[in-house]
N, C-alpha and C. Protein backbone atom coordinates (compact mmCIF):
# COMPACT_ATOMS: atom_id res chain seq x y z
N MET A 1 46.04 -25.75 50.47
CA MET A 1 45.74 -26.14 49.11
C MET A 1 45.38 -24.88 48.32
N ILE A 2 45.89 -24.79 47.13
CA ILE A 2 45.59 -23.65 46.26
C ILE A 2 44.50 -24.07 45.27
N VAL A 3 43.43 -23.26 45.21
CA VAL A 3 42.34 -23.54 44.27
C VAL A 3 42.15 -22.34 43.35
N ASN A 4 41.65 -22.61 42.17
CA ASN A 4 41.31 -21.56 41.21
C ASN A 4 39.88 -21.13 41.45
N VAL A 5 39.67 -19.81 41.52
CA VAL A 5 38.33 -19.29 41.74
C VAL A 5 38.02 -18.25 40.67
N GLU A 6 36.94 -18.50 39.95
CA GLU A 6 36.43 -17.54 38.98
C GLU A 6 35.38 -16.70 39.71
N VAL A 7 35.57 -15.39 39.74
CA VAL A 7 34.68 -14.48 40.47
C VAL A 7 33.87 -13.69 39.45
N ILE A 8 32.53 -13.77 39.59
CA ILE A 8 31.64 -13.09 38.65
C ILE A 8 30.61 -12.29 39.42
N SER A 9 30.49 -11.02 39.07
CA SER A 9 29.47 -10.14 39.64
C SER A 9 29.09 -9.11 38.59
N GLU A 10 28.29 -8.12 39.00
CA GLU A 10 27.82 -7.12 38.04
C GLU A 10 28.96 -6.44 37.30
N ASN A 11 29.97 -6.00 38.03
CA ASN A 11 31.06 -5.24 37.44
C ASN A 11 32.41 -5.93 37.59
N ILE A 12 32.41 -7.19 37.97
CA ILE A 12 33.66 -7.87 38.30
C ILE A 12 33.74 -9.19 37.54
N TYR A 13 34.91 -9.42 36.99
CA TYR A 13 35.25 -10.75 36.49
C TYR A 13 36.72 -10.94 36.80
N ASP A 14 37.01 -11.86 37.71
CA ASP A 14 38.39 -12.13 38.12
C ASP A 14 38.63 -13.63 38.12
N ASN A 15 39.88 -13.98 37.92
CA ASN A 15 40.35 -15.35 38.13
C ASN A 15 41.42 -15.27 39.20
N LEU A 16 41.19 -15.96 40.31
CA LEU A 16 42.10 -15.90 41.44
C LEU A 16 42.64 -17.27 41.78
N LYS A 17 43.79 -17.29 42.39
CA LYS A 17 44.33 -18.49 43.03
C LYS A 17 44.32 -18.18 44.52
N ILE A 18 43.57 -18.99 45.27
CA ILE A 18 43.42 -18.75 46.71
C ILE A 18 43.94 -19.96 47.46
N ASP A 19 44.73 -19.69 48.49
CA ASP A 19 45.28 -20.75 49.33
C ASP A 19 44.41 -20.86 50.58
N GLY A 20 43.85 -22.04 50.81
CA GLY A 20 43.02 -22.24 51.98
C GLY A 20 42.96 -23.70 52.38
N ASP A 21 42.71 -23.93 53.67
CA ASP A 21 42.62 -25.30 54.19
C ASP A 21 41.21 -25.87 54.07
N THR A 22 40.20 -24.98 54.12
CA THR A 22 38.81 -25.42 54.06
C THR A 22 38.06 -24.55 53.07
N PHE A 23 36.91 -25.04 52.66
CA PHE A 23 36.07 -24.25 51.75
C PHE A 23 35.64 -22.95 52.43
N GLN A 24 35.38 -23.01 53.73
CA GLN A 24 34.99 -21.79 54.46
C GLN A 24 36.11 -20.76 54.44
N ASN A 25 37.37 -21.19 54.47
CA ASN A 25 38.48 -20.24 54.34
C ASN A 25 38.43 -19.53 52.99
N ILE A 26 38.11 -20.28 51.94
CA ILE A 26 38.01 -19.70 50.60
C ILE A 26 36.86 -18.68 50.56
N GLN A 27 35.72 -19.04 51.15
CA GLN A 27 34.58 -18.12 51.21
C GLN A 27 34.96 -16.84 51.98
N ASN A 28 35.69 -17.01 53.07
CA ASN A 28 36.12 -15.85 53.87
C ASN A 28 37.03 -14.94 53.07
N GLU A 29 37.91 -15.51 52.25
CA GLU A 29 38.80 -14.70 51.41
C GLU A 29 37.99 -13.83 50.44
N ILE A 30 36.96 -14.41 49.85
CA ILE A 30 36.10 -13.65 48.94
C ILE A 30 35.35 -12.56 49.72
N GLU A 31 34.88 -12.90 50.90
CA GLU A 31 34.18 -11.91 51.74
C GLU A 31 35.09 -10.72 52.05
N ILE A 32 36.33 -10.99 52.39
CA ILE A 32 37.28 -9.92 52.73
C ILE A 32 37.66 -9.10 51.50
N LYS A 33 37.97 -9.78 50.40
CA LYS A 33 38.44 -9.08 49.19
C LYS A 33 37.35 -8.24 48.53
N TYR A 34 36.10 -8.77 48.50
CA TYR A 34 35.03 -8.09 47.76
C TYR A 34 33.94 -7.52 48.67
N LEU A 35 34.08 -7.68 49.99
CA LEU A 35 33.12 -7.16 50.96
C LEU A 35 31.72 -7.72 50.73
N VAL A 36 31.66 -9.02 50.45
CA VAL A 36 30.39 -9.70 50.20
C VAL A 36 30.24 -10.82 51.23
N GLN A 37 29.17 -10.72 52.02
CA GLN A 37 28.94 -11.73 53.04
C GLN A 37 28.82 -13.11 52.41
N ILE A 38 29.23 -14.11 53.16
CA ILE A 38 29.16 -15.50 52.67
C ILE A 38 27.74 -15.86 52.27
N SER A 39 26.75 -15.36 52.99
CA SER A 39 25.35 -15.68 52.67
C SER A 39 24.93 -15.14 51.31
N ASN A 40 25.65 -14.16 50.77
CA ASN A 40 25.34 -13.59 49.46
C ASN A 40 26.23 -14.15 48.35
N GLN A 41 27.03 -15.17 48.67
CA GLN A 41 27.89 -15.80 47.68
C GLN A 41 27.23 -17.09 47.20
N GLU A 42 27.23 -17.28 45.91
CA GLU A 42 26.68 -18.52 45.34
C GLU A 42 27.83 -19.26 44.66
N TRP A 43 28.13 -20.44 45.16
CA TRP A 43 29.32 -21.19 44.75
C TRP A 43 28.98 -22.40 43.89
N PHE A 44 29.90 -22.68 42.95
CA PHE A 44 29.77 -23.84 42.07
C PHE A 44 31.13 -24.53 41.94
N PHE A 45 31.09 -25.85 41.86
CA PHE A 45 32.27 -26.66 41.59
C PHE A 45 31.87 -27.63 40.49
N ASN A 46 32.59 -27.61 39.37
CA ASN A 46 32.23 -28.44 38.21
C ASN A 46 30.77 -28.23 37.82
N ASP A 47 30.33 -26.98 37.80
CA ASP A 47 28.98 -26.58 37.40
C ASP A 47 27.88 -27.10 38.32
N LYS A 48 28.23 -27.54 39.52
CA LYS A 48 27.24 -27.99 40.50
C LYS A 48 27.27 -27.05 41.69
N ASN A 49 26.08 -26.63 42.12
CA ASN A 49 25.96 -25.73 43.25
C ASN A 49 26.47 -26.42 44.51
N ILE A 50 27.27 -25.70 45.29
CA ILE A 50 27.80 -26.24 46.54
C ILE A 50 27.52 -25.27 47.68
N ASN A 51 27.62 -25.76 48.92
CA ASN A 51 27.38 -24.90 50.08
C ASN A 51 28.56 -24.97 51.04
N SER A 52 28.43 -24.29 52.17
CA SER A 52 29.53 -24.14 53.12
C SER A 52 30.05 -25.46 53.68
N SER A 53 29.25 -26.51 53.64
CA SER A 53 29.69 -27.80 54.18
C SER A 53 30.54 -28.60 53.18
N PHE A 54 30.74 -28.04 51.99
CA PHE A 54 31.52 -28.73 50.95
C PHE A 54 32.95 -28.94 51.42
N ASN A 55 33.48 -30.14 51.21
CA ASN A 55 34.87 -30.44 51.54
C ASN A 55 35.77 -29.94 50.42
N LEU A 56 36.71 -29.08 50.77
CA LEU A 56 37.60 -28.47 49.79
C LEU A 56 38.44 -29.54 49.09
N ILE A 57 38.38 -29.53 47.76
CA ILE A 57 39.22 -30.41 46.96
C ILE A 57 39.83 -29.57 45.84
N SER A 58 40.88 -30.07 45.28
CA SER A 58 41.57 -29.35 44.22
C SER A 58 40.66 -29.24 43.00
N GLY A 59 40.68 -28.10 42.35
CA GLY A 59 39.87 -27.92 41.15
C GLY A 59 39.50 -26.47 40.93
N ASN A 60 38.54 -26.27 40.04
CA ASN A 60 38.10 -24.93 39.68
C ASN A 60 36.75 -24.62 40.29
N TYR A 61 36.66 -23.47 40.91
CA TYR A 61 35.45 -23.02 41.58
C TYR A 61 34.97 -21.74 40.91
N THR A 62 33.66 -21.51 40.97
CA THR A 62 33.08 -20.27 40.49
C THR A 62 32.21 -19.71 41.59
N VAL A 63 32.32 -18.40 41.82
CA VAL A 63 31.46 -17.74 42.79
C VAL A 63 30.77 -16.56 42.10
N TYR A 64 29.45 -16.50 42.30
CA TYR A 64 28.65 -15.38 41.85
C TYR A 64 28.18 -14.63 43.09
N PHE A 65 28.13 -13.34 42.98
CA PHE A 65 27.53 -12.59 44.08
C PHE A 65 26.95 -11.29 43.56
N SER A 66 25.99 -10.82 44.31
CA SER A 66 25.33 -9.57 43.97
C SER A 66 24.62 -9.05 45.19
N VAL A 67 24.67 -7.76 45.37
CA VAL A 67 23.96 -7.14 46.48
C VAL A 67 22.61 -6.61 46.00
N ASN A 68 22.58 -6.07 44.79
CA ASN A 68 21.38 -5.40 44.30
C ASN A 68 20.55 -6.24 43.34
N TYR A 69 20.97 -7.44 43.06
CA TYR A 69 20.28 -8.27 42.09
C TYR A 69 19.79 -9.55 42.76
N ILE A 70 18.86 -10.21 42.11
CA ILE A 70 18.37 -11.47 42.67
C ILE A 70 18.56 -12.59 41.66
N SER A 71 18.54 -13.79 42.17
CA SER A 71 18.68 -14.98 41.34
C SER A 71 17.37 -15.75 41.38
N LEU A 72 16.85 -16.10 40.21
CA LEU A 72 15.58 -16.83 40.15
C LEU A 72 15.76 -18.18 39.48
N THR A 73 14.88 -19.08 39.82
CA THR A 73 14.83 -20.38 39.17
C THR A 73 13.50 -20.47 38.42
N ILE A 74 13.57 -20.90 37.18
CA ILE A 74 12.39 -21.00 36.34
C ILE A 74 12.11 -22.48 36.06
N ASN A 75 10.87 -22.90 36.29
CA ASN A 75 10.44 -24.25 35.96
C ASN A 75 9.55 -24.14 34.73
N ASN A 76 10.08 -24.58 33.59
CA ASN A 76 9.36 -24.51 32.33
C ASN A 76 9.26 -25.92 31.75
N LYS A 77 8.07 -26.50 31.84
CA LYS A 77 7.83 -27.85 31.33
C LYS A 77 8.80 -28.84 31.97
N ASN A 78 8.95 -28.74 33.28
CA ASN A 78 9.81 -29.60 34.09
C ASN A 78 11.30 -29.46 33.75
N LYS A 79 11.66 -28.39 33.04
CA LYS A 79 13.06 -28.08 32.82
C LYS A 79 13.40 -26.90 33.74
N ILE A 80 14.41 -27.06 34.55
CA ILE A 80 14.79 -26.04 35.51
C ILE A 80 15.90 -25.18 34.93
N THR A 81 15.70 -23.85 34.96
CA THR A 81 16.70 -22.90 34.49
C THR A 81 16.98 -21.92 35.62
N LYS A 82 18.25 -21.74 35.94
CA LYS A 82 18.64 -20.80 36.99
C LYS A 82 19.15 -19.53 36.32
N LEU A 83 18.57 -18.39 36.72
CA LEU A 83 18.95 -17.10 36.17
C LEU A 83 19.59 -16.24 37.26
N PRO A 84 20.89 -16.11 37.27
CA PRO A 84 21.52 -15.24 38.27
C PRO A 84 21.51 -13.78 37.84
N PHE A 85 21.53 -12.91 38.80
CA PHE A 85 21.73 -11.48 38.59
C PHE A 85 20.67 -10.79 37.74
N LEU A 86 19.45 -10.87 38.18
CA LEU A 86 18.37 -10.13 37.54
C LEU A 86 18.06 -8.90 38.38
N SER A 87 17.83 -7.81 37.71
CA SER A 87 17.47 -6.58 38.41
C SER A 87 16.03 -6.68 38.91
N PRO A 88 15.77 -6.26 40.15
CA PRO A 88 14.39 -6.22 40.64
C PRO A 88 13.51 -5.27 39.81
N LYS A 89 14.14 -4.39 39.04
CA LYS A 89 13.40 -3.44 38.20
C LYS A 89 12.97 -4.06 36.87
N LEU A 90 13.41 -5.27 36.62
CA LEU A 90 13.08 -5.96 35.37
C LEU A 90 11.58 -6.25 35.32
N LYS A 91 10.95 -5.91 34.20
CA LYS A 91 9.53 -6.21 34.03
C LYS A 91 9.36 -7.68 33.65
N ILE A 92 8.19 -8.21 33.99
CA ILE A 92 7.90 -9.61 33.70
C ILE A 92 7.99 -9.87 32.19
N GLN A 93 7.53 -8.94 31.38
CA GLN A 93 7.63 -9.10 29.92
C GLN A 93 9.10 -9.19 29.49
N GLU A 94 9.97 -8.42 30.11
CA GLU A 94 11.39 -8.47 29.79
C GLU A 94 11.99 -9.83 30.21
N LEU A 95 11.52 -10.34 31.33
CA LEU A 95 11.95 -11.68 31.75
C LEU A 95 11.53 -12.72 30.72
N LYS A 96 10.30 -12.61 30.23
CA LYS A 96 9.82 -13.53 29.19
C LYS A 96 10.68 -13.42 27.94
N ASN A 97 11.07 -12.20 27.59
CA ASN A 97 11.92 -12.01 26.41
C ASN A 97 13.28 -12.68 26.60
N ILE A 98 13.84 -12.57 27.80
CA ILE A 98 15.12 -13.23 28.10
C ILE A 98 14.99 -14.73 27.92
N LEU A 99 13.86 -15.27 28.39
CA LEU A 99 13.61 -16.72 28.31
C LEU A 99 13.09 -17.17 26.95
N SER A 100 12.77 -16.21 26.09
CA SER A 100 12.19 -16.50 24.77
C SER A 100 10.91 -17.31 24.89
N ILE A 101 10.03 -16.86 25.78
CA ILE A 101 8.74 -17.54 25.97
C ILE A 101 7.60 -16.54 25.84
N LYS A 102 6.43 -17.05 25.52
CA LYS A 102 5.21 -16.24 25.47
C LYS A 102 4.23 -16.65 26.55
N ASP A 103 4.49 -17.79 27.17
CA ASP A 103 3.58 -18.32 28.19
C ASP A 103 3.60 -17.46 29.46
N ASN A 104 2.59 -17.67 30.29
CA ASN A 104 2.49 -16.94 31.54
C ASN A 104 3.50 -17.44 32.57
N ILE A 105 3.88 -16.55 33.46
CA ILE A 105 4.78 -16.90 34.55
C ILE A 105 4.04 -16.72 35.86
N TYR A 106 4.20 -17.69 36.76
CA TYR A 106 3.49 -17.69 38.04
C TYR A 106 4.47 -17.83 39.20
N LEU A 107 4.10 -17.23 40.31
CA LEU A 107 4.78 -17.47 41.58
C LEU A 107 3.73 -17.93 42.56
N ASN A 108 3.87 -19.14 43.06
CA ASN A 108 2.89 -19.71 44.00
C ASN A 108 1.46 -19.59 43.46
N ASN A 109 1.28 -19.94 42.20
CA ASN A 109 -0.01 -19.91 41.50
C ASN A 109 -0.58 -18.51 41.29
N GLU A 110 0.21 -17.48 41.52
CA GLU A 110 -0.21 -16.11 41.24
C GLU A 110 0.38 -15.69 39.90
N LEU A 111 -0.49 -15.27 38.97
CA LEU A 111 -0.04 -14.82 37.67
C LEU A 111 0.76 -13.52 37.81
N LEU A 112 1.95 -13.49 37.21
CA LEU A 112 2.77 -12.29 37.22
C LEU A 112 2.46 -11.51 35.95
N LEU A 113 2.00 -10.30 36.11
CA LEU A 113 1.55 -9.48 34.98
C LEU A 113 2.73 -8.89 34.22
N ASN A 114 2.62 -8.88 32.90
CA ASN A 114 3.71 -8.45 32.03
C ASN A 114 4.22 -7.05 32.32
N ASN A 115 3.33 -6.12 32.66
CA ASN A 115 3.73 -4.74 32.85
C ASN A 115 4.27 -4.44 34.25
N LYS A 116 4.27 -5.45 35.12
CA LYS A 116 4.77 -5.28 36.49
C LYS A 116 6.25 -5.65 36.56
N LYS A 117 6.92 -5.12 37.57
CA LYS A 117 8.34 -5.43 37.80
C LYS A 117 8.45 -6.58 38.80
N ILE A 118 9.60 -7.21 38.78
CA ILE A 118 9.88 -8.26 39.77
C ILE A 118 9.69 -7.70 41.18
N SER A 119 10.12 -6.47 41.39
CA SER A 119 10.02 -5.84 42.72
C SER A 119 8.58 -5.56 43.14
N ASP A 120 7.64 -5.59 42.20
CA ASP A 120 6.23 -5.36 42.54
C ASP A 120 5.63 -6.57 43.26
N TYR A 121 6.32 -7.69 43.18
CA TYR A 121 5.85 -8.92 43.82
C TYR A 121 6.79 -9.26 44.97
N ASN A 122 6.34 -10.13 45.81
CA ASN A 122 7.17 -10.56 46.94
C ASN A 122 8.08 -11.70 46.47
N ILE A 123 8.97 -11.38 45.51
CA ILE A 123 9.88 -12.36 44.94
C ILE A 123 11.25 -12.13 45.54
N SER A 124 11.86 -13.20 46.00
CA SER A 124 13.21 -13.08 46.55
C SER A 124 14.13 -14.05 45.84
N SER A 125 15.42 -13.89 46.08
CA SER A 125 16.41 -14.76 45.45
C SER A 125 16.07 -16.22 45.68
N ASN A 126 16.28 -16.99 44.64
CA ASN A 126 16.10 -18.44 44.64
C ASN A 126 14.64 -18.89 44.70
N ASP A 127 13.68 -17.96 44.55
CA ASP A 127 12.29 -18.37 44.39
C ASP A 127 12.18 -19.12 43.05
N ILE A 128 11.22 -20.03 43.00
CA ILE A 128 11.00 -20.79 41.77
C ILE A 128 9.73 -20.27 41.10
N LEU A 129 9.90 -19.76 39.88
CA LEU A 129 8.77 -19.30 39.09
C LEU A 129 8.38 -20.42 38.13
N LYS A 130 7.10 -20.56 37.89
CA LYS A 130 6.61 -21.63 37.02
C LYS A 130 6.02 -21.02 35.75
N VAL A 131 6.36 -21.62 34.63
CA VAL A 131 5.83 -21.20 33.34
C VAL A 131 4.70 -22.14 32.98
N LYS A 132 3.54 -21.55 32.63
CA LYS A 132 2.38 -22.34 32.20
C LYS A 132 1.89 -21.76 30.88
N ASN A 133 1.40 -22.62 30.02
CA ASN A 133 0.95 -22.12 28.73
C ASN A 133 -0.32 -21.29 28.88
N ASN A 134 -0.56 -20.46 27.88
CA ASN A 134 -1.70 -19.54 27.90
C ASN A 134 -3.00 -20.18 27.45
N PHE A 135 -2.93 -21.42 26.98
CA PHE A 135 -4.11 -22.05 26.42
C PHE A 135 -4.84 -22.88 27.44
N GLN A 136 -6.15 -22.82 27.41
CA GLN A 136 -6.97 -23.65 28.29
C GLN A 136 -7.78 -24.60 27.42
N ILE A 137 -7.92 -25.82 27.87
CA ILE A 137 -8.75 -26.79 27.16
C ILE A 137 -10.17 -26.63 27.65
N ILE A 138 -11.10 -26.44 26.73
CA ILE A 138 -12.51 -26.22 27.10
C ILE A 138 -13.31 -27.45 26.74
């Protein structure tokens, strides 16, 4: 079966047609062509995240990958936002600017300081950061 694959990375944007019998075959093709391990590939079908157990069906797929960047999930007022490809050198204040927020950002109830970088904390890909407002009720 031939599927369309949109490939997105830091310096790459490709549209490919890949012939494969299983989704894992498609993942292997990306691994061989771009030298990116399957564990570092993030796949979507119809804008929904999928994994290696996905049954291959005809349609359009998107794969994101990065070796030097991380992907974070932000929980802001119970709205989940996924941010792929953030530099570990990004400061927390810069992250807030990207999100257009002024509220504090926390990881496991630890306040992330504006002048610190993502790499200053033990943050890894797919960690969920929580946004909480700066106001306290007294």
